């Protein structure tokens, strides 16, 4: 074979050899047997300032032992915390693998970095491999999913949080603790646990405020061994009128019976919460009497109503105070006094009483007679009186103008003419 053919073959062998061991700069036959088989970064995505580990696993794919002189990591976006940990000589037997674990701290501002793993073999030769590393300072997201527009003091309401992990790695040990002056929560804290990449969960807290305040949810979580925190603040606005029942009395009817009065009406819940254990009763100066000194209604849902009946005696009253008592779903007690105008109430009689007598009895008055007498409840014939007065006025005017005299003279003249003709 010609000399130039040998030269060409040598060049081809050299090219193919360098292609097979692209990760090594060694010309040693044994060192080309060593390859990087696995790279592990923990946590998978570092946050700025996080401590983590980078583990490089190398494998001897050959049939001979390979002596390793030194292993190290050239940093990019990180600092090496255990520099010099692998400066001692070690041997890697055929078919065996070895882990090189480097402790690092993230210093990059965020993004992708490429620290380089470097391995020196004893005598001559080396190999290196770039390690993809991601740094992301995005933390756990805790947002308010729902909260009442207004709370009521002493009332239990719910605040719902949405907890989400926007990162590309797992977050662990997630715990949420509420805190706020003048506020109490049924749950002292809530342990969420772990959230995988892109995962979300819902957390509900039962909140009981005693004043208007700010409620802070303090969340702690881990990225690897690193502890992180985030705070979510929720304003707690208090308006007792908006968060309670609003009981209104209407359609009132008054009936007199003997010496007492009976008041029938409807009570409606126009508020934003149901009213429980609703009881109505008359108050002083009216005096409740049997058979209905008070009336138990029970529960009134929102926009619901119920009828009631009360019996009482009173002395010359134009209105009667009605006490309405109820409880909310938490057992808190409420009450409100509503003045019912007896003059505007629909009045009717019973057991032989007239309407006028029923109204007078409700006010404590007697049955008096006469237009100007003590019968304040008596109904006057207004239309008839007006007609009589009008006729009287017309008669007086006619008399003053002599209309009646002219009529009389005409009558006498006619009688005289009739006598003459005869």
Protein backbone atom coordinates (compact mmCIF):
# COMPACT_ATOMS: atom_id res chain seq x y z
CA UNK A 1 0.00 0.00 0.00
CA UNK A 2 1.24 3.48 -0.85
CA UNK A 3 2.47 5.87 1.87
CA UNK A 4 -0.22 8.49 1.17
CA UNK A 5 -2.96 5.89 1.70
CA UNK A 6 -1.59 5.13 5.20
CA UNK A 7 -1.64 8.83 5.95
CA UNK A 8 -5.29 9.15 4.94
CA UNK A 9 -6.28 6.20 7.15
CA UNK A 10 -4.51 7.68 10.17
CA UNK A 11 -6.35 10.98 9.71
CA UNK A 12 -9.75 9.21 9.50
CA UNK A 13 -9.07 7.23 12.71
CA UNK A 14 -8.09 10.39 14.55
CA UNK A 15 -11.28 12.18 13.42
CA UNK A 16 -13.54 9.29 14.43
CA UNK A 17 -11.87 8.97 17.84
CA UNK A 18 -12.41 12.62 18.71
CA UNK A 19 -16.11 12.34 17.70
CA UNK A 20 -16.75 9.41 20.04
CA UNK A 21 -15.28 11.16 23.08
CA UNK A 22 -16.63 14.66 22.51
CA UNK A 23 -16.78 15.35 26.28
CA UNK A 24 -13.13 14.63 26.96
CA UNK A 25 -9.85 16.25 26.03
CA UNK A 26 -7.84 13.18 27.06
CA UNK A 27 -5.86 11.00 24.71
CA UNK A 28 -5.70 8.18 27.25
CA UNK A 29 -7.53 5.03 26.25
CA UNK A 30 -8.88 4.48 29.80
CA UNK A 31 -10.16 8.03 30.29
CA UNK A 32 -12.32 7.83 27.18
CA UNK A 33 -14.30 5.14 28.94
CA UNK A 34 -15.71 7.67 31.49
CA UNK A 35 -18.97 9.47 30.61
CA UNK A 36 -21.47 11.67 32.45
CA UNK A 37 -24.55 9.49 32.90
CA UNK A 38 -26.78 11.71 35.04
CA UNK A 39 -27.11 15.30 36.33
CA UNK A 40 -29.41 16.23 39.23
CA UNK A 41 -30.14 19.78 40.44
CA UNK A 42 -32.01 20.15 43.76
CA UNK A 43 -34.17 22.10 43.98
CA UNK A 44 -34.80 21.82 40.26
CA UNK A 45 -35.26 25.60 39.96
CA UNK A 46 -33.38 27.84 42.38
CA UNK A 47 -34.58 31.17 43.70
CA UNK A 48 -32.12 34.01 44.20
CA UNK A 49 -30.17 33.30 47.38
CA UNK A 50 -31.29 29.66 47.55
CA UNK A 51 -28.92 26.94 48.69
CA UNK A 52 -28.96 23.82 46.55
CA UNK A 53 -26.98 20.86 45.27
CA UNK A 54 -25.75 19.82 41.86
CA UNK A 55 -24.95 16.10 41.60
CA UNK A 56 -23.02 14.78 38.60
CA UNK A 57 -22.88 11.00 38.11
CA UNK A 58 -20.02 9.60 36.01
CA UNK A 59 -19.89 6.03 34.69
CA UNK A 60 -16.87 3.90 33.65
CA UNK A 61 -18.10 2.12 30.54
CA UNK A 62 -14.76 0.36 29.91
CA UNK A 63 -13.05 -2.72 31.21
CA UNK A 64 -10.20 -1.03 33.07
CA UNK A 65 -9.97 1.04 36.25
CA UNK A 66 -9.67 4.77 35.69
CA UNK A 67 -7.78 6.86 38.30
CA UNK A 68 -9.45 10.25 38.91
CA UNK A 69 -7.24 13.02 40.22
CA UNK A 70 -9.72 15.86 40.82
CA UNK A 71 -13.36 16.94 40.20
CA UNK A 72 -14.67 20.47 40.42
CA UNK A 73 -17.39 22.84 39.21
CA UNK A 74 -16.80 26.09 37.33
CA UNK A 75 -19.59 28.42 38.39
CA UNK A 76 -22.06 30.48 36.38
CA UNK A 77 -24.93 32.18 38.26
CA UNK A 78 -23.92 30.35 41.44
CA UNK A 79 -21.12 30.20 44.00
CA UNK A 80 -19.53 26.90 45.04
CA UNK A 81 -19.82 26.27 48.78
CA UNK A 82 -17.72 23.07 49.06
CA UNK A 83 -14.77 23.96 46.88
CA UNK A 84 -11.97 21.39 47.09
CA UNK A 85 -14.25 18.58 48.21
CA UNK A 86 -13.01 16.29 45.41
CA UNK A 87 -9.29 17.09 45.23
CA UNK A 88 -8.21 13.64 46.50
CA UNK A 89 -7.22 10.78 44.22
CA UNK A 90 -9.85 8.11 43.66
CA UNK A 91 -10.26 5.12 41.36
CA UNK A 92 -13.31 4.32 39.25
CA UNK A 93 -13.56 0.63 38.45
CA UNK A 94 -14.98 -0.81 35.23
CA UNK A 95 -18.78 -0.68 35.09
CA UNK A 96 -18.89 1.44 38.24
CA UNK A 97 -20.34 4.92 38.70
CA UNK A 98 -19.59 7.73 41.12
CA UNK A 99 -21.57 10.78 42.28
CA UNK A 100 -19.94 14.18 42.67
CA UNK A 101 -22.22 16.44 44.73
CA UNK A 102 -21.54 20.18 44.84
CA UNK A 103 -23.17 22.54 47.31
CA UNK A 104 -24.06 25.84 45.63
CA UNK A 105 -25.87 29.11 46.27
CA UNK A 106 -27.78 30.94 43.55
CA UNK A 107 -26.50 34.45 42.85
CA UNK A 108 -27.90 35.04 39.37
CA UNK A 109 -30.73 37.50 38.90
CA UNK A 110 -32.84 34.94 37.07
CA UNK A 111 -32.69 33.03 33.82
CA UNK A 112 -30.68 30.11 32.40
CA UNK A 113 -27.05 29.49 33.39
CA UNK A 114 -24.38 26.90 32.46
CA UNK A 115 -21.93 25.97 35.19
CA UNK A 116 -19.31 23.44 33.94
CA UNK A 117 -18.37 20.14 35.54
CA UNK A 118 -14.64 19.40 35.14
CA UNK A 119 -12.90 16.05 35.77
CA UNK A 120 -9.10 15.54 35.81
CA UNK A 121 -7.65 12.08 35.27
CA UNK A 122 -4.38 11.03 36.84
CA UNK A 123 -1.44 11.43 34.59
CA UNK A 124 -3.04 13.11 31.60
CA UNK A 125 -6.43 13.86 30.15
CA UNK A 126 -9.65 15.45 31.39
CA UNK A 127 -13.31 15.78 30.56
CA UNK A 128 -15.96 18.43 31.07
CA UNK A 129 -19.71 18.81 30.73
CA UNK A 130 -22.01 21.83 30.90
CA UNK A 131 -24.91 21.71 33.36
CA UNK A 132 -28.19 23.53 32.50
CA UNK A 133 -29.29 25.56 35.53
CA UNK A 134 -32.43 27.69 35.95
CA UNK A 135 -32.85 30.52 38.48
CA UNK A 136 -36.36 31.93 38.93
CA UNK A 137 -37.35 34.32 41.73
CA UNK A 138 -41.09 33.87 41.21
CA UNK A 139 -42.63 32.73 44.50
CA UNK A 140 -45.82 31.06 45.66
CA UNK A 141 -48.94 33.03 44.73
CA UNK A 142 -51.66 33.55 47.38
CA UNK A 143 -54.66 35.59 46.25
CA UNK A 144 -58.11 36.36 47.66
CA UNK A 145 -60.70 34.27 45.84
CA UNK A 146 -63.76 35.61 47.67
CA UNK A 147 -64.47 37.89 50.64
CA UNK A 148 -67.73 39.57 51.79
CA UNK A 149 -68.07 43.25 50.92
CA UNK A 150 -68.93 43.88 54.57
CA UNK A 151 -68.66 41.89 57.80
CA UNK A 152 -70.72 42.20 60.98
CA UNK A 153 -69.16 42.29 64.44
CA UNK A 154 -69.40 38.94 66.17
CA UNK A 155 -70.63 37.26 62.98
CA UNK A 156 -68.81 34.42 61.28
CA UNK A 157 -68.06 34.83 57.57
CA UNK A 158 -65.71 33.13 55.16
CA UNK A 159 -62.61 34.35 53.34
CA UNK A 160 -61.49 32.06 50.52
CA UNK A 161 -57.88 32.09 49.30
CA UNK A 162 -56.46 30.66 46.08
CA UNK A 163 -52.95 29.22 46.47
CA UNK A 164 -51.00 28.56 43.26
CA UNK A 165 -47.51 27.43 42.27
CA UNK A 166 -46.43 29.20 39.04
CA UNK A 167 -42.93 27.70 39.17
CA UNK A 168 -41.40 24.80 37.23
CA UNK A 169 -40.52 22.88 40.38
CA UNK A 170 -42.29 21.50 43.43
CA UNK A 171 -42.94 23.67 46.50
CA UNK A 172 -43.35 21.95 49.86
CA UNK A 173 -44.45 22.55 53.44
CA UNK A 174 -46.96 25.29 52.55
CA UNK A 175 -48.60 26.67 55.72
CA UNK A 176 -50.94 29.68 56.00
CA UNK A 177 -51.45 31.50 59.33
CA UNK A 178 -54.01 34.33 59.76
CA UNK A 179 -53.31 37.32 62.00
CA UNK A 180 -55.11 40.58 62.70
CA UNK A 181 -55.97 42.85 65.62
CA UNK A 182 -59.57 42.55 66.78
CA UNK A 183 -60.24 39.46 64.71
CA UNK A 184 -60.63 35.76 65.41
CA UNK A 185 -60.50 32.83 63.02
CA UNK A 186 -61.83 29.34 63.62
CA UNK A 187 -58.68 27.88 61.99
CA UNK A 188 -55.44 28.87 63.74
CA UNK A 189 -53.56 27.90 60.56
CA UNK A 190 -53.97 25.81 57.44
CA UNK A 191 -51.44 23.25 56.22
CA UNK A 192 -51.59 22.95 52.44
CA UNK A 193 -48.55 20.68 52.09
CA UNK A 194 -46.98 20.31 48.64
CA UNK A 195 -47.93 21.94 45.34
CA UNK A 196 -46.51 20.72 42.05
CA UNK A 197 -45.67 22.96 39.09
CA UNK A 198 -48.77 24.83 37.89
CA UNK A 199 -50.98 23.38 40.64
CA UNK A 200 -53.56 25.38 42.65
CA UNK A 201 -55.72 24.75 45.69
CA UNK A 202 -58.47 26.55 47.62
CA UNK A 203 -58.20 27.44 51.30
CA UNK A 204 -61.19 28.67 53.37
CA UNK A 205 -60.93 30.56 56.68
CA UNK A 206 -63.91 31.28 58.98
CA UNK A 207 -63.45 34.85 60.21
CA UNK A 208 -65.16 36.57 63.18
CA UNK A 209 -64.25 40.28 63.53
CA UNK A 210 -64.92 42.49 66.55
CA UNK A 211 -63.85 45.67 64.75
CA UNK A 212 -62.84 47.02 61.36
CA UNK A 213 -59.28 45.89 60.73
CA UNK A 214 -56.80 44.33 58.30
CA UNK A 215 -56.42 40.56 58.22
CA UNK A 216 -52.97 39.31 57.15
CA UNK A 217 -52.42 35.76 55.89
CA UNK A 218 -48.77 34.84 56.50
CA UNK A 219 -47.67 31.99 54.21
CA UNK A 220 -44.47 29.99 54.61
CA UNK A 221 -43.20 27.40 52.12
CA UNK A 222 -40.02 25.61 51.07
CA UNK A 223 -38.09 25.41 47.84
CA UNK A 224 -35.82 22.51 48.60
CA UNK A 225 -34.32 23.28 52.01
CA UNK A 226 -34.92 27.01 51.59
CA UNK A 227 -37.75 28.67 53.55
CA UNK A 228 -39.69 31.50 51.88
CA UNK A 229 -42.59 33.65 53.04
CA UNK A 230 -45.29 35.81 51.51
CA UNK A 231 -48.04 37.93 53.09
CA UNK A 232 -51.55 38.55 51.76
CA UNK A 233 -53.54 41.40 53.37
CA UNK A 234 -57.34 41.53 53.34
CA UNK A 235 -59.26 44.65 54.55
CA UNK A 236 -62.12 43.69 56.89
CA UNK A 237 -64.88 46.28 56.51
CA UNK A 238 -67.66 46.25 59.11
CA UNK A 239 -71.27 47.31 58.49
CA UNK A 240 -73.73 45.56 60.77
CA UNK A 241 -76.77 46.88 58.89
CA UNK A 242 -75.71 45.21 55.64
CA UNK A 243 -74.92 41.85 57.15
CA UNK A 244 -78.02 41.33 59.32
CA UNK A 245 -81.72 40.75 58.94
CA UNK A 246 -83.97 43.81 58.51
CA UNK A 247 -87.47 43.13 59.87
CA UNK A 248 -90.29 45.41 58.72
CA UNK A 249 -93.95 45.44 59.90
CA UNK A 250 -96.72 46.24 57.41
CA UNK A 251 -100.36 45.44 56.47
CA UNK A 252 -101.49 46.32 60.01
CA UNK A 253 -105.14 45.80 60.99
CA UNK A 254 -106.65 46.93 64.30
CA UNK A 255 -109.73 45.31 65.85
CA UNK A 256 -111.44 46.32 69.10
CA UNK A 257 -113.04 43.68 71.27
CA UNK A 258 -114.47 44.62 74.65
CA UNK A 259 -111.86 46.52 76.60
CA UNK A 260 -108.84 45.33 74.57
CA UNK A 261 -107.51 45.68 71.04
CA UNK A 262 -106.17 43.12 68.61
CA UNK A 263 -103.39 44.02 66.20
CA UNK A 264 -102.86 41.81 63.14
CA UNK A 265 -100.03 42.41 60.68
CA UNK A 266 -97.22 40.99 58.55
CA UNK A 267 -93.52 41.05 59.37
CA UNK A 268 -91.07 40.85 56.42
CA UNK A 269 -87.34 40.17 56.35
CA UNK A 270 -85.87 42.70 53.94
CA UNK A 271 -82.25 42.14 55.04
CA UNK A 272 -79.36 40.07 53.70
CA UNK A 273 -79.46 37.28 56.27
CA UNK A 274 -82.14 35.02 57.68
CA UNK A 275 -83.61 35.79 61.09
CA UNK A 276 -84.07 32.95 63.58
CA UNK A 277 -86.28 32.69 66.69
CA UNK A 278 -88.31 35.77 65.73
CA UNK A 279 -90.67 36.97 68.51
CA UNK A 280 -92.91 40.09 68.46
CA UNK A 281 -94.57 41.70 71.50
CA UNK A 282 -96.13 45.03 72.51
CA UNK A 283 -94.27 47.34 74.85
CA UNK A 284 -95.15 50.01 77.42
CA UNK A 285 -97.21 52.19 77.56
CA UNK A 286 -99.43 49.51 75.97
CA UNK A 287 -100.19 46.49 78.18
CA UNK A 288 -100.07 43.02 76.60
CA UNK A 289 -103.02 40.77 77.48
CA UNK A 290 -104.17 37.26 76.62
CA UNK A 291 -104.61 35.48 74.28
CA UNK A 292 -101.61 36.94 72.36
CA UNK A 293 -99.37 38.98 74.69
CA UNK A 294 -96.50 37.97 72.36
CA UNK A 295 -96.24 36.03 69.13
CA UNK A 296 -93.54 33.51 68.16
CA UNK A 297 -92.81 33.43 64.42
CA UNK A 298 -89.64 31.30 64.24
CA UNK A 299 -87.32 31.62 61.24
CA UNK A 300 -87.72 34.22 58.51
CA UNK A 301 -85.64 33.69 55.39
CA UNK A 302 -84.45 36.60 53.25
CA UNK A 303 -87.45 38.21 51.44
CA UNK A 304 -89.85 35.99 53.42
CA UNK A 305 -92.77 37.20 55.59
CA UNK A 306 -95.14 35.88 58.26
CA UNK A 307 -98.37 37.05 59.85
CA UNK A 308 -98.74 37.75 63.58
CA UNK A 309 -101.41 38.70 66.12
CA UNK A 310 -101.03 40.71 69.33
CA UNK A 311 -103.63 41.65 71.96
CA UNK A 312 -103.24 44.59 74.33
CA UNK A 313 -104.93 47.42 76.22
CA UNK A 314 -103.95 51.06 75.95
CA UNK A 315 -104.98 54.49 77.17
CA UNK A 316 -105.32 57.29 74.60
CA UNK A 317 -102.47 56.06 72.39
CA UNK A 318 -101.97 57.06 68.78
CA UNK A 319 -99.18 54.49 68.30
CA UNK A 320 -98.07 51.23 69.88
CA UNK A 321 -94.37 50.21 70.23
CA UNK A 322 -93.78 46.67 68.92
CA UNK A 323 -90.60 44.92 70.08
CA UNK A 324 -89.09 42.55 67.50
CA UNK A 325 -86.43 40.11 68.76
CA UNK A 326 -84.41 37.60 66.70
CA UNK A 327 -81.09 35.75 66.42
CA UNK A 328 -78.66 35.22 63.56
CA UNK A 329 -77.19 31.90 62.44
CA UNK A 330 -74.31 32.33 64.93
CA UNK A 331 -76.63 32.74 67.90
CA UNK A 332 -76.11 36.50 68.31
CA UNK A 333 -79.21 38.29 69.62
CA UNK A 334 -80.78 41.39 68.05
CA UNK A 335 -83.83 43.52 68.78
CA UNK A 336 -85.62 46.49 67.31
CA UNK A 337 -88.61 48.53 68.43
CA UNK A 338 -91.07 49.56 65.71
CA UNK A 339 -93.80 52.16 66.41
CA UNK A 340 -97.09 51.18 64.74
CA UNK A 341 -99.32 54.18 63.97
CA UNK A 342 -102.86 53.31 65.10
CA UNK A 343 -104.41 56.19 63.15
CA UNK A 344 -103.23 54.78 59.82
CA UNK A 345 -104.06 51.17 60.70
CA UNK A 346 -107.09 49.59 59.06
CA UNK A 347 -109.80 49.64 61.74
CA UNK A 348 -112.68 47.19 62.08
CA UNK A 349 -115.14 46.23 64.82
CA UNK A 350 -116.12 42.90 66.30
CA UNK A 351 -118.75 41.46 68.66
CA UNK A 352 -121.23 44.22 67.84
CA UNK A 353 -118.79 47.15 68.05
CA UNK A 354 -118.97 49.80 65.35
CA UNK A 355 -115.90 51.00 63.46
CA UNK A 356 -116.05 54.29 65.34
CA UNK A 357 -116.18 52.51 68.68
CA UNK A 358 -113.24 50.23 67.69
CA UNK A 359 -111.04 53.19 66.85
CA UNK A 360 -112.01 54.94 70.07
CA UNK A 361 -111.27 51.82 72.12
CA UNK A 362 -107.84 51.50 70.52
CA UNK A 363 -107.09 55.05 71.64
CA UNK A 364 -108.61 54.46 75.08
CA UNK A 365 -111.53 56.91 74.44
CA UNK A 366 -115.22 56.39 75.27
CA UNK A 367 -118.18 56.21 72.93
CA UNK A 368 -119.26 59.93 73.47
CA UNK A 369 -122.01 61.41 71.34
CA UNK A 370 -122.58 64.65 69.47
CA UNK A 371 -120.62 66.52 66.90
CA UNK A 372 -118.72 68.56 69.49
CA UNK A 373 -118.88 66.03 72.32
CA UNK A 374 -116.31 63.55 73.56
CA UNK A 375 -116.93 60.99 70.82
CA UNK A 376 -113.59 61.50 69.03
CA UNK A 377 -113.98 58.24 67.21
CA UNK A 378 -117.45 59.06 65.84
CA UNK A 379 -117.76 59.39 62.05
CA UNK A 380 -119.50 62.70 61.05
CA UNK A 381 -121.78 63.05 57.94
CA UNK A 382 -119.56 65.65 56.34
CA UNK A 383 -121.37 65.75 52.97
CA UNK A 384 -124.83 66.28 54.50
CA UNK A 385 -123.54 69.04 56.79
CA UNK A 386 -122.00 70.88 53.83
CA UNK A 387 -125.30 70.71 51.89
CA UNK A 388 -127.31 72.07 54.86
CA UNK A 389 -124.85 74.93 55.32
CA UNK A 390 -124.99 75.81 51.62
CA UNK A 391 -128.81 75.88 51.60
CA UNK A 392 -128.82 78.06 54.71
CA UNK A 393 -126.39 80.56 53.13
CA UNK A 394 -128.51 80.76 49.94
CA UNK A 395 -131.68 81.37 52.05
CA UNK A 396 -130.04 84.18 54.02
CA UNK A 397 -128.80 85.91 50.86
CA UNK A 398 -132.23 85.60 49.24
CA UNK A 399 -133.97 87.03 52.33
CA UNK A 400 -131.62 90.02 52.45
CA UNK A 401 -132.26 90.82 48.80
CA UNK A 402 -136.03 90.69 49.34
CA UNK A 403 -136.59 87.72 47.12
CA UNK A 404 -139.05 86.22 49.58
CA UNK A 405 -140.96 89.60 49.87
CA UNK A 406 -141.36 89.84 46.09
CA UNK A 407 -142.67 86.31 45.93
CA UNK A 408 -145.20 87.06 48.68
CA UNK A 409 -146.39 90.29 46.95
CA UNK A 410 -146.83 88.50 43.68
CA UNK A 411 -148.87 85.89 45.40
CA UNK A 412 -151.19 88.51 46.99
CA UNK A 413 -151.58 90.32 43.60
CA UNK A 414 -152.79 87.17 41.93
CA UNK A 415 -155.36 86.58 44.66
CA UNK A 416 -156.76 90.19 44.24
CA UNK A 417 -157.13 89.79 40.49
CA UNK A 418 -159.01 86.58 40.94
CA UNK A 419 -161.47 88.27 43.37
CA UNK A 420 -162.15 91.20 40.93
CA UNK A 421 -162.98 88.82 38.12
CA UNK A 422 -165.52 87.11 40.28
